[in-house]
PDB file of N, CA and C in Angstrom:
ATOM      1  N   MET A   1     101.238  73.819 106.133  1.00  0.00           N
ATOM      2  CA  MET A   1     101.031  75.233 106.190  1.00  0.00           C
ATOM      3  C   MET A   1     102.688  75.602 106.067  1.00  0.00           C
ATOM      4  N   TYR A   2     103.058  76.643 105.685  1.00  0.00           N
ATOM      5  CA  TYR A   2     104.461  77.214 105.931  1.00  0.00           C
ATOM      6  C   TYR A   2     104.391  78.785 106.149  1.00  0.00           C
ATOM      7  N   LEU A   3     105.121  79.400 106.859  1.00  0.00           N
ATOM      8  CA  LEU A   3     105.479  80.770 107.389  1.00  0.00           C
ATOM      9  C   LEU A   3     106.606  81.332 106.781  1.00  0.00           C
ATOM     10  N   VAL A   4     106.255  82.572 106.264  1.00  0.00           N
ATOM     11  CA  VAL A   4     107.557  83.302 105.804  1.00  0.00           C
ATOM     12  C   VAL A   4     107.870  84.389 106.419  1.00  0.00           C
ATOM     13  N   TYR A   5     109.094  84.238 106.854  1.00  0.00           N
ATOM     14  CA  TYR A   5     109.842  85.755 107.570  1.00  0.00           C
ATOM     15  C   TYR A   5     110.693  86.620 106.423  1.00  0.00           C
ATOM     16  N   CYS A   6     110.402  87.693 106.090  1.00  0.00           N
ATOM     17  CA  CYS A   6     111.021  88.443 105.315  1.00  0.00           C
ATOM     18  C   CYS A   6     111.548  89.705 105.811  1.00  0.00           C
ATOM     19  N   ASP A   7     112.958  90.241 105.417  1.00  0.00           N
ATOM     20  CA  ASP A   7     113.420  91.287 106.040  1.00  0.00           C
ATOM     21  C   ASP A   7     113.991  92.165 105.175  1.00  0.00           C
ATOM     22  N   ASP A   8     113.548  93.552 104.691  1.00  0.00           N
ATOM     23  CA  ASP A   8     114.013  94.222 103.743  1.00  0.00           C
ATOM     24  C   ASP A   8     115.354  95.003 104.348  1.00  0.00           C
ATOM     25  N   SER A   9     116.261  94.940 103.734  1.00  0.00           N
ATOM     26  CA  SER A   9     117.621  96.020 104.327  1.00  0.00           C
ATOM     27  C   SER A   9     117.247  97.495 104.217  1.00  0.00           C
ATOM     28  N   ARG A  10     116.412  98.104 103.314  1.00  0.00           N
ATOM     29  CA  ARG A  10     116.553  99.419 103.206  1.00  0.00           C
ATOM     30  C   ARG A  10     115.823 100.205 104.123  1.00  0.00           C
ATOM     31  N   GLU A  11     116.643 101.026 104.581  1.00  0.00           N
ATOM     32  CA  GLU A  11     116.255 101.847 105.696  1.00  0.00           C
ATOM     33  C   GLU A  11     116.572 103.403 104.939  1.00  0.00           C
ATOM     34  N   LYS A  12     115.653 104.692 105.715  1.00  0.00           N
ATOM     35  CA  LYS A  12     115.644 105.628 105.077  1.00  0.00           C
ATOM     36  C   LYS A  12     117.046 106.198 106.215  1.00  0.00           C
ATOM     37  N   GLN A  13     117.303 106.088 107.262  1.00  0.00           N
ATOM     38  CA  GLN A  13     118.648 106.459 108.021  1.00  0.00           C
ATOM     39  C   GLN A  13     119.784 105.772 107.605  1.00  0.00           C
ATOM     40  N   VAL A  14     120.028 105.080 106.446  1.00  0.00           N
ATOM     41  CA  VAL A  14     121.058 104.759 105.903  1.00  0.00           C
ATOM     42  C   VAL A  14     121.537 104.764 104.424  1.00  0.00           C
ATOM     43  N   ALA A  15     122.174 105.843 104.319  1.00  0.00           N
ATOM     44  CA  ALA A  15     122.595 106.270 102.865  1.00  0.00           C
ATOM     45  C   ALA A  15     123.377 104.954 102.224  1.00  0.00           C
ATOM     46  N   ASN A  16     122.741 104.187 101.538  1.00  0.00           N
ATOM     47  CA  ASN A  16     123.027 103.019 100.806  1.00  0.00           C
ATOM     48  C   ASN A  16     122.104 102.866  99.462  1.00  0.00           C
ATOM     49  N   PRO A  17     123.035 102.600  98.336  1.00  0.00           N
ATOM     50  CA  PRO A  17     122.474 102.396  97.001  1.00  0.00           C
ATOM     51  C   PRO A  17     121.892 100.966  96.920  1.00  0.00           C
ATOM     52  N   TYR A  18     122.356  99.939  97.883  1.00  0.00           N
ATOM     53  CA  TYR A  18     122.091  98.864  97.364  1.00  0.00           C
ATOM     54  C   TYR A  18     121.077  98.362  98.561  1.00  0.00           C
ATOM     55  N   GLN A  19     119.990  97.131  98.271  1.00  0.00           N
ATOM     56  CA  GLN A  19     119.062  96.850  99.242  1.00  0.00           C
ATOM     57  C   GLN A  19     118.814  95.314  98.728  1.00  0.00           C
ATOM     58  N   SER A  20     118.487  94.767  99.843  1.00  0.00           N
ATOM     59  CA  SER A  20     118.616  93.145  99.918  1.00  0.00           C
ATOM     60  C   SER A  20     117.297  92.755 100.733  1.00  0.00           C
ATOM     61  N   LEU A  21     116.993  91.416 100.208  1.00  0.00           N
ATOM     62  CA  LEU A  21     115.960  90.850 100.868  1.00  0.00           C
ATOM     63  C   LEU A  21     116.031  89.558 101.327  1.00  0.00           C
ATOM     64  N   CYS A  22     116.041  89.018 102.475  1.00  0.00           N
ATOM     65  CA  CYS A  22     116.018  87.928 103.221  1.00  0.00           C
ATOM     66  C   CYS A  22     114.767  87.306 103.428  1.00  0.00           C
ATOM     67  N   ALA A  23     114.526  85.798 103.110  1.00  0.00           N
ATOM     68  CA  ALA A  23     113.300  85.420 103.787  1.00  0.00           C
ATOM     69  C   ALA A  23     113.642  83.974 104.223  1.00  0.00           C
ATOM     70  N   VAL A  24     113.044  83.660 105.304  1.00  0.00           N
ATOM     71  CA  VAL A  24     113.061  82.385 106.024  1.00  0.00           C
ATOM     72  C   VAL A  24     111.747  81.727 106.025  1.00  0.00           C
ATOM     73  N   ILE A  25     111.791  80.563 105.514  1.00  0.00           N
ATOM     74  CA  ILE A  25     110.388  79.752 104.905  1.00  0.00           C
ATOM     75  C   ILE A  25     110.545  78.456 106.211  1.00  0.00           C
ATOM     76  N   LEU A  26     109.416  78.482 106.854  1.00  0.00           N
ATOM     77  CA  LEU A  26     109.218  77.442 108.374  1.00  0.00           C
ATOM     78  C   LEU A  26     107.919  76.950 107.955  1.00  0.00           C
ATOM     79  N   LYS A  27     108.274  75.749 108.473  1.00  0.00           N
ATOM     80  CA  LYS A  27     106.681  74.622 108.569  1.00  0.00           C
ATOM     81  C   LYS A  27     106.033  75.282 109.832  1.00  0.00           C
ATOM     82  N   ASP A  28     104.563  75.412 109.866  1.00  0.00           N
ATOM     83  CA  ASP A  28     104.150  75.305 110.703  1.00  0.00           C
ATOM     84  C   ASP A  28     104.464  74.839 112.087  1.00  0.00           C
ATOM     85  N   SER A  29     104.795  73.496 112.151  1.00  0.00           N
ATOM     86  CA  SER A  29     104.722  72.712 112.870  1.00  0.00           C
ATOM     87  C   SER A  29     106.282  73.289 113.957  1.00  0.00           C
ATOM     88  N   SER A  30     107.322  73.786 113.009  1.00  0.00           N
ATOM     89  CA  SER A  30     108.288  74.641 113.859  1.00  0.00           C
ATOM     90  C   SER A  30     108.294  75.737 114.147  1.00  0.00           C
ATOM     91  N   PHE A  31     107.203  76.518 114.343  1.00  0.00           N
ATOM     92  CA  PHE A  31     107.158  77.747 114.562  1.00  0.00           C
ATOM     93  C   PHE A  31     107.382  78.102 116.107  1.00  0.00           C
ATOM     94  N   LYS A  32     106.699  77.239 116.886  1.00  0.00           N
ATOM     95  CA  LYS A  32     106.716  77.009 118.485  1.00  0.00           C
ATOM     96  C   LYS A  32     108.478  76.916 118.729  1.00  0.00           C
ATOM     97  N   GLU A  33     109.161  76.067 118.294  1.00  0.00           N
ATOM     98  CA  GLU A  33     110.481  75.976 118.640  1.00  0.00           C
ATOM     99  C   GLU A  33     111.557  76.703 118.161  1.00  0.00           C
ATOM    100  N   THR A  34     111.014  77.689 116.926  1.00  0.00           N
ATOM    101  CA  THR A  34     111.719  78.603 116.469  1.00  0.00           C
ATOM    102  C   THR A  34     111.182  80.131 117.182  1.00  0.00           C
ATOM    103  N   GLU A  35     110.345  80.142 117.590  1.00  0.00           N
ATOM    104  CA  GLU A  35     110.187  81.495 118.549  1.00  0.00           C
ATOM    105  C   GLU A  35     110.386  81.185 119.960  1.00  0.00           C
ATOM    106  N   SER A  36     110.516  80.097 120.569  1.00  0.00           N
ATOM    107  CA  SER A  36     111.212  79.715 121.657  1.00  0.00           C
ATOM    108  C   SER A  36     112.810  79.988 121.732  1.00  0.00           C
ATOM    109  N   TYR A  37     113.363  79.646 120.680  1.00  0.00           N
ATOM    110  CA  TYR A  37     114.714  80.152 120.435  1.00  0.00           C
ATOM    111  C   TYR A  37     115.227  81.335 120.075  1.00  0.00           C
ATOM    112  N   MET A  38     114.277  82.043 119.262  1.00  0.00           N
ATOM    113  CA  MET A  38     114.602  83.330 119.349  1.00  0.00           C
ATOM    114  C   MET A  38     114.613  84.192 120.460  1.00  0.00           C
ATOM    115  N   GLY A  39     113.332  83.897 121.583  1.00  0.00           N
ATOM    116  CA  GLY A  39     113.274  84.313 122.691  1.00  0.00           C
ATOM    117  C   GLY A  39     114.411  84.006 123.490  1.00  0.00           C
ATOM    118  N   TYR A  40     115.191  82.699 123.610  1.00  0.00           N
ATOM    119  CA  TYR A  40     116.350  82.425 124.198  1.00  0.00           C
ATOM    120  C   TYR A  40     117.565  83.509 123.876  1.00  0.00           C
ATOM    121  N   ILE A  41     117.535  83.569 122.415  1.00  0.00           N
ATOM    122  CA  ILE A  41     118.587  84.508 121.828  1.00  0.00           C
ATOM    123  C   ILE A  41     118.516  85.884 122.802  1.00  0.00           C
ATOM    124  N   ILE A  42     117.133  86.488 122.659  1.00  0.00           N
ATOM    125  CA  ILE A  42     116.873  87.609 123.280  1.00  0.00           C
ATOM    126  C   ILE A  42     117.196  87.908 124.359  1.00  0.00           C
ATOM    127  N   GLU A  43     116.889  86.970 125.054  1.00  0.00           N
ATOM    128  CA  GLU A  43     117.089  86.831 126.812  1.00  0.00           C
ATOM    129  C   GLU A  43     118.463  86.979 127.283  1.00  0.00           C
ATOM    130  N   GLN A  44     119.314  86.370 126.442  1.00  0.00           N
ATOM    131  CA  GLN A  44     120.783  85.991 126.703  1.00  0.00           C
ATOM    132  C   GLN A  44     121.482  87.066 126.022  1.00  0.00           C
ATOM    133  N   LEU A  45     121.197  87.802 125.104  1.00  0.00           N
ATOM    134  CA  LEU A  45     122.288  88.554 124.493  1.00  0.00           C
ATOM    135  C   LEU A  45     121.489  90.131 124.227  1.00  0.00           C
ATOM    136  N   VAL A  46     120.776  90.262 124.349  1.00  0.00           N
ATOM    137  CA  VAL A  46     120.086  91.731 124.306  1.00  0.00           C
ATOM    138  C   VAL A  46     119.912  92.206 125.563  1.00  0.00           C
ATOM    139  N   PRO A  47     120.439  93.721 125.752  1.00  0.00           N
ATOM    140  CA  PRO A  47     120.461  94.006 126.888  1.00  0.00           C
ATOM    141  C   PRO A  47     118.722  94.163 127.566  1.00  0.00           C
ATOM    142  N   GLU A  48     118.336  94.245 128.468  1.00  0.00           N
ATOM    143  CA  GLU A  48     116.996  94.166 129.274  1.00  0.00           C
ATOM    144  C   GLU A  48     116.216  95.548 128.776  1.00  0.00           C
ATOM    145  N   GLU A  49     116.646  96.389 128.863  1.00  0.00           N
ATOM    146  CA  GLU A  49     116.004  97.423 128.630  1.00  0.00           C
ATOM    147  C   GLU A  49     115.515  97.844 126.867  1.00  0.00           C
ATOM    148  N   LYS A  50     116.121  96.954 126.144  1.00  0.00           N
ATOM    149  CA  LYS A  50     115.661  96.749 124.877  1.00  0.00           C
ATOM    150  C   LYS A  50     114.980  95.565 124.489  1.00  0.00           C
ATOM    151  N   ARG A  51     114.765  94.553 125.355  1.00  0.00           N
ATOM    152  CA  ARG A  51     114.100  93.473 125.122  1.00  0.00           C
ATOM    153  C   ARG A  51     112.266  93.494 124.833  1.00  0.00           C
ATOM    154  N   ASP A  52     111.803  94.262 125.404  1.00  0.00           N
ATOM    155  CA  ASP A  52     110.348  94.585 125.021  1.00  0.00           C
ATOM    156  C   ASP A  52     109.872  94.625 123.846  1.00  0.00           C
ATOM    157  N   ASP A  53     110.527  95.630 123.160  1.00  0.00           N
ATOM    158  CA  ASP A  53     110.180  95.934 121.531  1.00  0.00           C
ATOM    159  C   ASP A  53     111.234  95.394 120.530  1.00  0.00           C
ATOM    160  N   PHE A  54     112.127  94.473 120.889  1.00  0.00           N
ATOM    161  CA  PHE A  54     113.550  93.983 120.125  1.00  0.00           C
ATOM    162  C   PHE A  54     112.554  93.221 118.903  1.00  0.00           C
ATOM    163  N   GLU A  55     113.327  93.951 117.645  1.00  0.00           N
ATOM    164  CA  GLU A  55     113.224  93.323 116.225  1.00  0.00           C
ATOM    165  C   GLU A  55     114.382  92.862 115.540  1.00  0.00           C
ATOM    166  N   PHE A  56     114.724  91.966 115.216  1.00  0.00           N
ATOM    167  CA  PHE A  56     115.586  91.406 114.252  1.00  0.00           C
ATOM    168  C   PHE A  56     115.362  92.054 112.878  1.00  0.00           C
ATOM    169  N   HIS A  57     116.373  93.212 112.772  1.00  0.00           N
ATOM    170  CA  HIS A  57     116.502  93.652 111.403  1.00  0.00           C
ATOM    171  C   HIS A  57     117.987  93.777 110.843  1.00  0.00           C
ATOM    172  N   ALA A  58     118.669  93.175 110.227  1.00  0.00           N
ATOM    173  CA  ALA A  58     119.814  93.028 109.368  1.00  0.00           C
ATOM    174  C   ALA A  58     120.311  94.292 108.889  1.00  0.00           C
ATOM    175  N   VAL A  59     119.507  95.442 108.458  1.00  0.00           N
ATOM    176  CA  VAL A  59     120.335  96.531 108.399  1.00  0.00           C
ATOM    177  C   VAL A  59     120.593  97.230 109.673  1.00  0.00           C
ATOM    178  N   ASP A  60     120.080  97.245 110.692  1.00  0.00           N
ATOM    179  CA  ASP A  60     120.232  97.758 112.321  1.00  0.00           C
ATOM    180  C   ASP A  60     121.114  96.863 112.541  1.00  0.00           C
ATOM    181  N   LEU A  61     121.099  95.598 112.567  1.00  0.00           N
ATOM    182  CA  LEU A  61     122.431  94.638 113.299  1.00  0.00           C
ATOM    183  C   LEU A  61     123.514  95.026 112.767  1.00  0.00           C
ATOM    184  N   PHE A  62     123.789  95.544 111.256  1.00  0.00           N
ATOM    185  CA  PHE A  62     124.946  95.580 110.594  1.00  0.00           C
ATOM    186  C   PHE A  62     125.641  97.271 110.942  1.00  0.00           C
ATOM    187  N   ASN A  63     124.498  98.148 111.139  1.00  0.00           N
ATOM    188  CA  ASN A  63     124.755  99.420 111.125  1.00  0.00           C
ATOM    189  C   ASN A  63     124.927 100.303 112.712  1.00  0.00           C
ATOM    190  N   GLY A  64     124.689  99.365 113.634  1.00  0.00           N
ATOM    191  CA  GLY A  64     124.436  99.618 114.667  1.00  0.00           C
ATOM    192  C   GLY A  64     123.327 100.396 114.950  1.00  0.00           C
ATOM    193  N   LEU A  65     122.144 100.652 114.365  1.00  0.00           N
ATOM    194  CA  LEU A  65     120.857 101.324 114.500  1.00  0.00           C
ATOM    195  C   LEU A  65     119.798 100.639 115.166  1.00  0.00           C
ATOM    196  N   GLY A  66     118.557 101.405 115.472  1.00  0.00           N
ATOM    197  CA  GLY A  66     117.713 100.623 115.934  1.00  0.00           C
ATOM    198  C   GLY A  66     118.049  99.938 117.184  1.00  0.00           C
ATOM    199  N   ALA A  67     117.461  98.610 117.596  1.00  0.00           N
ATOM    200  CA  ALA A  67     117.423  98.211 118.618  1.00  0.00           C
ATOM    201  C   ALA A  67     119.033  97.610 119.187  1.00  0.00           C
ATOM    202  N   PHE A  68     119.594  97.957 118.038  1.00  0.00           N
ATOM    203  CA  PHE A  68     121.412  97.439 117.862  1.00  0.00           C
ATOM    204  C   PHE A  68     121.898  98.674 118.708  1.00  0.00           C
ATOM    205  N   GLN A  69     121.361  99.736 118.859  1.00  0.00           N
ATOM    206  CA  GLN A  69     122.531 100.862 119.190  1.00  0.00           C
ATOM    207  C   GLN A  69     123.093 100.418 120.516  1.00  0.00           C
ATOM    208  N   GLY A  70     124.004 100.618 120.861  1.00  0.00           N
ATOM    209  CA  GLY A  70     124.749 100.671 122.034  1.00  0.00           C
ATOM    210  C   GLY A  70     125.109  99.137 122.284  1.00  0.00           C
ATOM    211  N   ILE A  71     124.943  98.069 121.402  1.00  0.00           N
ATOM    212  CA  ILE A  71     125.355  96.846 121.397  1.00  0.00           C
ATOM    213  C   ILE A  71     126.814  96.609 120.523  1.00  0.00           C
ATOM    214  N   SER A  72     127.616  95.892 121.047  1.00  0.00           N
ATOM    215  CA  SER A  72     128.929  96.267 120.355  1.00  0.00           C
ATOM    216  C   SER A  72     129.050  95.205 119.131  1.00  0.00           C
ATOM    217  N   ARG A  73     129.787  95.288 118.100  1.00  0.00           N
ATOM    218  CA  ARG A  73     129.816  94.929 116.883  1.00  0.00           C
ATOM    219  C   ARG A  73     129.836  93.268 117.146  1.00  0.00           C
ATOM    220  N   GLU A  74     130.706  92.929 118.248  1.00  0.00           N
ATOM    221  CA  GLU A  74     130.886  91.323 118.375  1.00  0.00           C
ATOM    222  C   GLU A  74     129.857  90.705 119.038  1.00  0.00           C
ATOM    223  N   GLU A  75     128.622  91.581 119.763  1.00  0.00           N
ATOM    224  CA  GLU A  75     127.814  91.209 120.214  1.00  0.00           C
ATOM    225  C   GLU A  75     126.511  90.804 119.163  1.00  0.00           C
ATOM    226  N   ALA A  76     126.484  92.082 118.352  1.00  0.00           N
ATOM    227  CA  ALA A  76     125.748  91.930 117.277  1.00  0.00           C
ATOM    228  C   ALA A  76     125.742  90.741 116.475  1.00  0.00           C
ATOM    229  N   LEU A  77     127.438  90.292 116.017  1.00  0.00           N
ATOM    230  CA  LEU A  77     127.583  89.273 115.212  1.00  0.00           C
ATOM    231  C   LEU A  77     127.164  88.083 115.827  1.00  0.00           C
ATOM    232  N   THR A  78     127.477  88.074 117.205  1.00  0.00           N
ATOM    233  CA  THR A  78     127.134  86.698 117.968  1.00  0.00           C
ATOM    234  C   THR A  78     125.522  86.358 117.766  1.00  0.00           C
ATOM    235  N   ILE A  79     124.761  87.603 118.076  1.00  0.00           N
ATOM    236  CA  ILE A  79     123.036  87.522 117.737  1.00  0.00           C
ATOM    237  C   ILE A  79     122.762  86.943 116.204  1.00  0.00           C
ATOM    238  N   PHE A  80     123.628  87.206 115.365  1.00  0.00           N
ATOM    239  CA  PHE A  80     123.383  87.296 113.740  1.00  0.00           C
ATOM    240  C   PHE A  80     123.512  85.649 113.651  1.00  0.00           C
ATOM    241  N   ASP A  81     124.890  85.166 114.223  1.00  0.00           N
ATOM    242  CA  ASP A  81     125.338  83.719 114.211  1.00  0.00           C
ATOM    243  C   ASP A  81     124.412  83.054 114.462  1.00  0.00           C
ATOM    244  N   MET A  82     123.832  83.149 115.727  1.00  0.00           N
ATOM    245  CA  MET A  82     122.784  82.396 116.519  1.00  0.00           C
ATOM    246  C   MET A  82     121.773  82.252 115.625  1.00  0.00           C
ATOM    247  N   CYS A  83     120.878  83.141 115.157  1.00  0.00           N
ATOM    248  CA  CYS A  83     120.005  83.024 114.426  1.00  0.00           C
ATOM    249  C   CYS A  83     120.219  82.259 113.118  1.00  0.00           C
ATOM    250  N   MET A  84     121.313  82.635 112.391  1.00  0.00           N
ATOM    251  CA  MET A  84     121.545  81.567 111.188  1.00  0.00           C
ATOM    252  C   MET A  84     122.013  80.078 111.351  1.00  0.00           C
ATOM    253  N   ASP A  85     122.388  79.843 112.760  1.00  0.00           N
ATOM    254  CA  ASP A  85     122.368  78.437 113.128  1.00  0.00           C
ATOM    255  C   ASP A  85     121.116  77.859 113.062  1.00  0.00           C
ATOM    256  N   MET A  86     120.351  78.689 113.572  1.00  0.00           N
ATOM    257  CA  MET A  86     118.612  77.914 113.319  1.00  0.00           C
ATOM    258  C   MET A  86     118.065  77.503 112.340  1.00  0.00           C
ATOM    259  N   VAL A  87     118.599  78.527 111.028  1.00  0.00           N
ATOM    260  CA  VAL A  87     118.290  78.237 109.937  1.00  0.00           C
ATOM    261  C   VAL A  87     118.921  77.279 108.971  1.00  0.00           C
ATOM    262  N   LEU A  88     120.278  77.119 109.512  1.00  0.00           N
ATOM    263  CA  LEU A  88     120.843  76.188 108.346  1.00  0.00           C
ATOM    264  C   LEU A  88     120.999  74.680 108.674  1.00  0.00           C
TER     265      LEU A  88
END
């Protein structure tokens, strides 16, 4: 069995005529490891007050919106790099 995670970049709060979609396909046997690693990233890099309802959304990451408000561009890119290391 495979699990698919999709992220749609279009958000109403960003005036952008472009839209991108990213998907990651995982074997179900990799789910626990992936979930643990994402939890580690959140614990290490996301401020404590934002962790409870934190979600990874690329549009928020690159525009400093939503869960990424108040997180520096450098920190946001570090989070993104760590997430990409997991799937590359």
